[in-house]
């Protein structure tokens, strides 16, 4: 069975979704929708999609879909997810999932009530090196320390200018990925402490954040994010990871240099994914992860299993985002479960 999908939102990141759907087995995008008809028609022409819409409700009603892929900004997510639930359509939604916990919980409830699957497009955990880190972290015993870092001066505002005007920036847009990785590698979080700074005077929100997580296991994990860090060579969009267990260490360094140490044995790998013809370095690490998460989504729909980053699961990551902002604002630890 080949599932029929409709994509909503033909903006900056949608090209990665549309390219990736061509690589995924078991699904086709048969309709595209955007409020800007020119963008929708261009996407349809570029990717061989027959049906073009400017009204999501009309698309859901007419296009005989199995699922929708929502690639719009967060303020539109609740309306579109609840609309999809109303039409009994399984739904992928881009991150950040919601601009409030109330909206996020409402979307999860709507999809549960409608009996449809909901997955948040939280793709960093699907990057090839992150899958490798997860695999080897299971071999080094009980984890007691982690460090996850994303530090760059890449001009993200050139391709996404709205980020410069957002009141909340790096934790909400990027840190959410790192917090999800912390959960992916080390389990759930009990509490956190967060500090933020705005280094770039031309933007509104924070561009540097340092978050210390205390996991429910008792382990600690340091998550740092920066768009103000100068390097001899730029490493965007790389994330580095260091995990320590009572039997060994896993380390993912710059240029995707991977090392695992256990009982005196050392494994060294270059953890860069295969680059397909349409991918453009250095973004291919992200583009590869989009293929992987979308294939995971289709496999889950075909087998009736819940996706890893379901709406329910993402509530836990999203709470860490809002908890981090609360901690940064009041200078106090945030205890999970209080938002």
Protein backbone atom coordinates (compact mmCIF):
# COMPACT_ATOMS: atom_id res chain seq x y z
CA UNK A 1 0.00 0.00 0.00
CA UNK A 2 1.36 3.40 -1.02
CA UNK A 3 0.13 6.13 1.32
CA UNK A 4 -1.10 9.42 -0.13
CA UNK A 5 0.23 12.54 1.54
CA UNK A 6 -0.47 16.26 1.31
CA UNK A 7 2.17 18.84 2.22
CA UNK A 8 1.12 22.13 3.82
CA UNK A 9 3.62 25.00 3.66
CA UNK A 10 5.97 25.53 0.71
CA UNK A 11 8.50 27.77 2.45
CA UNK A 12 12.21 27.55 3.26
CA UNK A 13 12.44 24.02 4.72
CA UNK A 14 9.73 22.38 2.60
CA UNK A 15 12.22 21.56 -0.18
CA UNK A 16 14.00 19.16 2.17
CA UNK A 17 10.71 17.41 2.90
CA UNK A 18 9.73 17.20 -0.77
CA UNK A 19 13.12 15.91 -1.91
CA UNK A 20 13.04 13.35 0.90
CA UNK A 21 9.56 12.09 0.08
CA UNK A 22 10.98 11.00 -3.29
CA UNK A 23 13.45 8.76 -1.43
CA UNK A 24 10.89 7.27 0.99
CA UNK A 25 9.31 3.91 0.21
CA UNK A 26 5.58 3.50 0.72
CA UNK A 27 4.33 7.08 0.35
CA UNK A 28 3.80 9.76 -2.28
CA UNK A 29 3.00 13.44 -1.90
CA UNK A 30 0.00 13.97 -4.16
CA UNK A 31 -1.01 17.51 -3.16
CA UNK A 32 0.69 20.67 -1.94
CA UNK A 33 -0.89 23.65 -0.19
CA UNK A 34 0.34 27.15 0.63
CA UNK A 35 -1.46 30.44 1.24
CA UNK A 36 0.86 31.85 -1.44
CA UNK A 37 -0.38 30.22 -4.64
CA UNK A 38 2.85 31.06 -6.48
CA UNK A 39 4.90 29.11 -3.94
CA UNK A 40 2.49 26.18 -4.04
CA UNK A 41 2.53 26.02 -7.83
CA UNK A 42 6.30 26.27 -7.96
CA UNK A 43 6.69 23.41 -5.49
CA UNK A 44 4.20 21.31 -7.45
CA UNK A 45 6.09 21.97 -10.68
CA UNK A 46 9.48 21.25 -9.13
CA UNK A 47 8.43 17.92 -7.60
CA UNK A 48 5.82 16.64 -10.04
CA UNK A 49 2.80 17.09 -7.78
CA UNK A 50 -0.51 17.28 -9.60
CA UNK A 51 -2.82 18.96 -7.08
CA UNK A 52 -2.28 22.53 -5.84
CA UNK A 53 -4.28 24.26 -3.10
CA UNK A 54 -4.28 27.51 -1.17
CA UNK A 55 -6.86 26.26 1.35
CA UNK A 56 -5.86 23.39 3.66
CA UNK A 57 -9.45 22.48 4.45
CA UNK A 58 -10.26 22.10 0.76
CA UNK A 59 -7.18 19.94 0.22
CA UNK A 60 -8.08 17.66 3.11
CA UNK A 61 -11.63 17.36 1.83
CA UNK A 62 -10.82 16.70 -1.84
CA UNK A 63 -7.40 15.07 -2.24
CA UNK A 64 -8.17 11.61 -0.76
CA UNK A 65 -5.23 11.73 1.61
CA UNK A 66 -3.92 9.31 4.22
CA UNK A 67 -1.77 11.89 5.99
CA UNK A 68 -0.62 15.50 5.94
CA UNK A 69 2.89 16.89 6.43
CA UNK A 70 2.71 20.32 8.08
CA UNK A 71 5.78 22.46 7.30
CA UNK A 72 4.54 25.82 8.55
CA UNK A 73 5.49 28.13 11.43
CA UNK A 74 4.40 27.25 14.99
CA UNK A 75 1.55 29.75 15.32
CA UNK A 76 -0.40 27.89 12.61
CA UNK A 77 0.17 24.39 13.97
CA UNK A 78 -2.78 24.06 16.32
CA UNK A 79 -5.33 25.09 13.70
CA UNK A 80 -3.85 22.78 11.06
CA UNK A 81 -3.35 19.76 13.33
CA UNK A 82 -6.87 20.03 14.72
CA UNK A 83 -8.19 20.44 11.17
CA UNK A 84 -6.37 17.26 10.12
CA UNK A 85 -7.80 15.43 13.15
CA UNK A 86 -11.25 16.61 12.15
CA UNK A 87 -10.68 14.98 8.74
CA UNK A 88 -9.27 11.79 10.34
CA UNK A 89 -5.84 12.29 8.77
CA UNK A 90 -2.58 11.12 10.29
CA UNK A 91 -0.30 14.11 10.80
CA UNK A 92 3.39 15.01 10.81
CA UNK A 93 4.05 18.46 12.24
CA UNK A 94 7.29 20.42 12.04
CA UNK A 95 8.99 21.62 15.19
CA UNK A 96 8.70 23.67 17.31
CA UNK A 97 5.46 21.78 17.85
CA UNK A 98 3.62 24.63 19.61
CA UNK A 99 4.09 28.07 21.08
CA UNK A 100 2.55 26.96 24.41
CA UNK A 101 2.07 23.76 26.37
CA UNK A 102 -1.68 24.32 26.25
CA UNK A 103 -1.68 24.29 22.44
CA UNK A 104 0.58 21.23 22.35
CA UNK A 105 -1.63 19.26 24.71
CA UNK A 106 -4.74 20.27 22.77
CA UNK A 107 -3.24 18.95 19.52
CA UNK A 108 -2.27 15.66 21.12
CA UNK A 109 -5.76 15.30 22.58
CA UNK A 110 -7.44 16.08 19.25
CA UNK A 111 -5.46 13.41 17.42
CA UNK A 112 -6.02 10.84 20.17
CA UNK A 113 -9.75 11.51 20.11
CA UNK A 114 -9.80 11.18 16.31
CA UNK A 115 -7.79 7.94 16.44
CA UNK A 116 -5.00 9.22 14.18
CA UNK A 117 -1.23 9.18 14.53
CA UNK A 118 0.65 12.40 15.30
CA UNK A 119 4.42 12.77 14.92
CA UNK A 120 6.59 15.83 15.48
CA UNK A 121 9.31 16.24 12.84
CA UNK A 122 12.11 16.18 15.43
CA UNK A 123 14.83 15.06 13.04
CA UNK A 124 18.18 15.60 14.84
CA UNK A 125 17.98 12.19 16.53
CA UNK A 126 17.73 10.68 13.03
CA UNK A 127 21.05 12.11 11.86
CA UNK A 128 23.44 9.28 11.01
CA UNK A 129 26.04 10.20 13.66
CA UNK A 130 23.34 10.53 16.35
CA UNK A 131 22.05 7.06 15.57
CA UNK A 132 25.64 5.85 15.87
CA UNK A 133 26.06 7.59 19.23
CA UNK A 134 22.85 5.99 20.51
CA UNK A 135 23.93 2.54 19.31
CA UNK A 136 27.34 2.69 20.99
CA UNK A 137 26.10 4.42 24.15
CA UNK A 138 24.26 1.20 24.95
CA UNK A 139 27.65 -0.56 25.24
CA UNK A 140 29.34 1.70 27.81
CA UNK A 141 27.29 0.88 30.88
CA UNK A 142 25.27 3.30 32.97
CA UNK A 143 25.63 6.85 31.67
CA UNK A 144 26.53 9.40 34.34
CA UNK A 145 27.56 12.45 32.26
CA UNK A 146 26.76 13.95 28.87
CA UNK A 147 27.59 17.07 26.91
CA UNK A 148 25.72 18.13 23.74
CA UNK A 149 26.88 21.26 21.92
CA UNK A 150 25.95 23.30 18.85
CA UNK A 151 28.22 26.34 18.47
CA UNK A 152 28.58 28.40 15.31
CA UNK A 153 28.52 31.89 13.75
CA UNK A 154 26.60 30.75 10.67
CA UNK A 155 24.30 33.52 9.39
CA UNK A 156 21.02 31.71 9.97
CA UNK A 157 19.13 35.02 9.62
CA UNK A 158 19.99 35.25 5.92
CA UNK A 159 17.79 32.24 5.12
CA UNK A 160 15.31 32.63 7.99
CA UNK A 161 15.11 36.39 8.66
CA UNK A 162 12.14 36.05 11.03
CA UNK A 163 14.46 34.42 13.58
CA UNK A 164 16.08 37.81 14.20
CA UNK A 165 12.76 39.25 15.36
CA UNK A 166 11.57 36.34 17.54
CA UNK A 167 11.44 37.12 21.26
CA UNK A 168 12.54 33.55 21.97
CA UNK A 169 15.19 32.31 19.58
CA UNK A 170 17.95 29.78 20.14
CA UNK A 171 16.33 27.51 22.73
CA UNK A 172 12.97 27.49 20.94
CA UNK A 173 14.35 27.02 17.42
CA UNK A 174 17.57 25.03 17.92
CA UNK A 175 17.88 24.06 21.57
CA UNK A 176 14.74 21.98 21.23
CA UNK A 177 16.76 19.59 19.03
CA UNK A 178 19.56 19.35 21.59
CA UNK A 179 17.13 18.75 24.45
CA UNK A 180 15.49 15.98 22.45
CA UNK A 181 18.94 14.45 21.88
CA UNK A 182 19.59 14.55 25.64
CA UNK A 183 16.40 12.57 26.21
CA UNK A 184 17.24 10.22 23.31
CA UNK A 185 20.66 9.39 24.75
CA UNK A 186 20.15 9.66 28.52
CA UNK A 187 16.46 9.27 29.32
CA UNK A 188 14.08 11.63 31.04
CA UNK A 189 14.89 14.87 32.85
CA UNK A 190 14.06 15.64 36.48
CA UNK A 191 15.16 19.29 36.62
CA UNK A 192 17.21 21.89 34.80
CA UNK A 193 18.98 25.21 35.24
CA UNK A 194 19.34 27.62 32.32
CA UNK A 195 21.31 30.76 31.52
CA UNK A 196 20.93 32.81 28.33
CA UNK A 197 22.58 35.79 26.62
CA UNK A 198 22.00 37.96 23.57
CA UNK A 199 25.42 38.59 22.02
CA UNK A 200 24.26 39.86 18.62
CA UNK A 201 22.73 43.34 19.22
CA UNK A 202 20.79 43.18 15.95
CA UNK A 203 18.44 40.42 17.07
CA UNK A 204 15.62 40.39 19.60
CA UNK A 205 15.97 37.03 21.32
CA UNK A 206 18.76 35.05 22.95
CA UNK A 207 21.52 33.62 20.72
CA UNK A 208 23.47 31.80 23.47
CA UNK A 209 22.10 29.32 26.00
CA UNK A 210 23.63 27.01 28.60
CA UNK A 211 21.36 24.39 30.17
CA UNK A 212 22.33 21.91 32.87
CA UNK A 213 20.02 18.91 33.04
CA UNK A 214 19.65 16.53 35.94
CA UNK A 215 18.26 13.28 34.60
CA UNK A 216 15.86 11.06 36.54
CA UNK A 217 18.67 8.47 36.59
CA UNK A 218 20.85 10.88 38.57
CA UNK A 219 23.12 11.57 35.59
CA UNK A 220 23.88 15.12 34.46
CA UNK A 221 23.95 16.51 30.93
CA UNK A 222 25.22 19.90 29.77
CA UNK A 223 23.45 21.32 26.71
CA UNK A 224 24.94 24.41 25.08
CA UNK A 225 23.82 26.35 22.01
CA UNK A 226 25.36 29.42 20.38
CA UNK A 227 25.12 31.43 17.18
CA UNK A 228 27.95 33.68 18.41
CA UNK A 229 30.89 31.25 18.60
CA UNK A 230 33.87 31.90 16.32
CA UNK A 231 35.98 28.99 15.09
CA UNK A 232 39.01 28.75 12.84
CA UNK A 233 36.79 26.79 10.45
CA UNK A 234 32.99 26.96 10.52
CA UNK A 235 31.27 23.68 11.42
CA UNK A 236 27.58 24.49 10.83
CA UNK A 237 25.32 22.49 11.17
CA UNK A 238 27.31 20.01 13.26
CA UNK A 239 26.35 18.96 16.77
CA UNK A 240 29.06 17.49 18.99
CA UNK A 241 28.35 14.93 21.70
CA UNK A 242 30.30 13.45 24.60
CA UNK A 243 28.83 10.67 26.76
CA UNK A 244 30.48 8.92 29.71
CA UNK A 245 29.35 5.63 31.21
CA UNK A 246 30.80 3.48 33.96
CA UNK A 247 32.31 1.19 31.33
CA UNK A 248 33.40 3.57 28.60
CA UNK A 249 33.02 6.79 26.61
CA UNK A 250 31.41 7.83 23.32
CA UNK A 251 32.63 11.01 21.65
CA UNK A 252 31.41 12.75 18.47
CA UNK A 253 33.77 15.61 17.60
CA UNK A 254 33.94 18.25 14.86
CA UNK A 255 34.00 16.99 11.26
CA UNK A 256 31.93 14.00 12.45
CA UNK A 257 34.91 12.23 13.96
CA UNK A 258 33.45 9.46 16.12
CA UNK A 259 35.22 7.53 18.87
CA UNK A 260 33.96 4.88 21.26
CA UNK A 261 36.15 3.54 24.09
CA UNK A 262 35.22 0.47 26.13
CA UNK A 263 37.45 -1.86 28.16
CA UNK A 264 40.56 -0.57 26.41
CA UNK A 265 39.10 -1.13 22.94
CA UNK A 266 38.87 1.96 20.72
CA UNK A 267 36.57 2.34 17.71
CA UNK A 268 37.24 5.28 15.35
CA UNK A 269 34.79 6.17 12.59
CA UNK A 270 34.05 9.06 10.25
CA UNK A 271 30.31 9.39 10.82
CA UNK A 272 29.22 11.37 7.76
CA UNK A 273 26.11 10.10 5.95
CA UNK A 274 25.94 9.28 2.26
CA UNK A 275 25.33 12.41 0.16
CA UNK A 276 22.65 12.10 -2.53
CA UNK A 277 22.75 14.19 -5.71
CA UNK A 278 20.17 16.74 -4.52
CA UNK A 279 21.83 17.33 -1.17
CA UNK A 280 23.94 20.43 -0.59
CA UNK A 281 26.78 20.23 1.96
CA UNK A 282 27.04 21.05 4.74
CA UNK A 283 23.27 20.73 5.11
CA UNK A 284 23.26 17.13 3.88
CA UNK A 285 23.55 15.89 7.46
CA UNK A 286 20.12 17.40 8.14
CA UNK A 287 18.69 16.42 4.76
CA UNK A 288 19.67 12.79 5.33
CA UNK A 289 17.88 12.86 8.69
CA UNK A 290 14.71 14.11 7.02
CA UNK A 291 14.65 11.02 4.81
CA UNK A 292 15.18 8.81 7.85
CA UNK A 293 12.42 10.32 9.98
CA UNK A 294 9.92 10.38 7.11
CA UNK A 295 10.65 6.71 6.36
CA UNK A 296 10.14 5.99 10.06
CA UNK A 297 6.76 7.75 9.86
CA UNK A 298 5.63 5.66 6.89
CA UNK A 299 6.84 2.43 8.51
CA UNK A 300 4.87 3.31 11.66
CA UNK A 301 1.71 3.99 9.68
CA UNK A 302 2.11 0.73 7.78
CA UNK A 303 2.58 -1.30 10.98
CA UNK A 304 0.25 0.66 13.27
CA UNK A 305 2.99 1.50 15.77
CA UNK A 306 3.60 4.83 17.49
CA UNK A 307 6.49 6.92 16.11
CA UNK A 308 9.47 7.69 18.33
CA UNK A 309 8.73 11.41 18.34
CA UNK A 310 4.98 11.17 18.72
CA UNK A 311 3.01 14.16 19.87
CA UNK A 312 2.87 12.68 23.36
CA UNK A 313 6.63 12.14 23.43
CA UNK A 314 7.35 15.64 22.17
CA UNK A 315 5.37 17.15 25.04
CA UNK A 316 8.32 16.12 27.24
CA UNK A 317 10.86 17.89 25.02
CA UNK A 318 8.69 20.97 24.64
CA UNK A 319 8.28 21.24 28.41
CA UNK A 320 12.08 21.40 28.72
CA UNK A 321 12.12 24.34 26.28
CA UNK A 322 9.57 26.36 28.24
CA UNK A 323 11.10 25.25 31.51
CA UNK A 324 14.48 26.54 30.33
CA UNK A 325 13.00 29.95 29.59
CA UNK A 326 11.35 30.00 33.01
CA UNK A 327 14.63 29.13 34.70
CA UNK A 328 16.54 31.78 32.73
CA UNK A 329 13.96 34.39 33.66
CA UNK A 330 13.76 33.72 37.40
CA UNK A 331 17.26 32.38 38.06
CA UNK A 332 15.85 29.24 39.68
CA UNK A 333 15.90 25.55 38.73
CA UNK A 334 12.91 24.27 36.78
CA UNK A 335 11.44 20.99 38.06
CA UNK A 336 9.81 18.88 35.35
CA UNK A 337 6.06 18.42 35.72
CA UNK A 338 5.24 21.89 36.98
CA UNK A 339 4.21 23.55 33.69
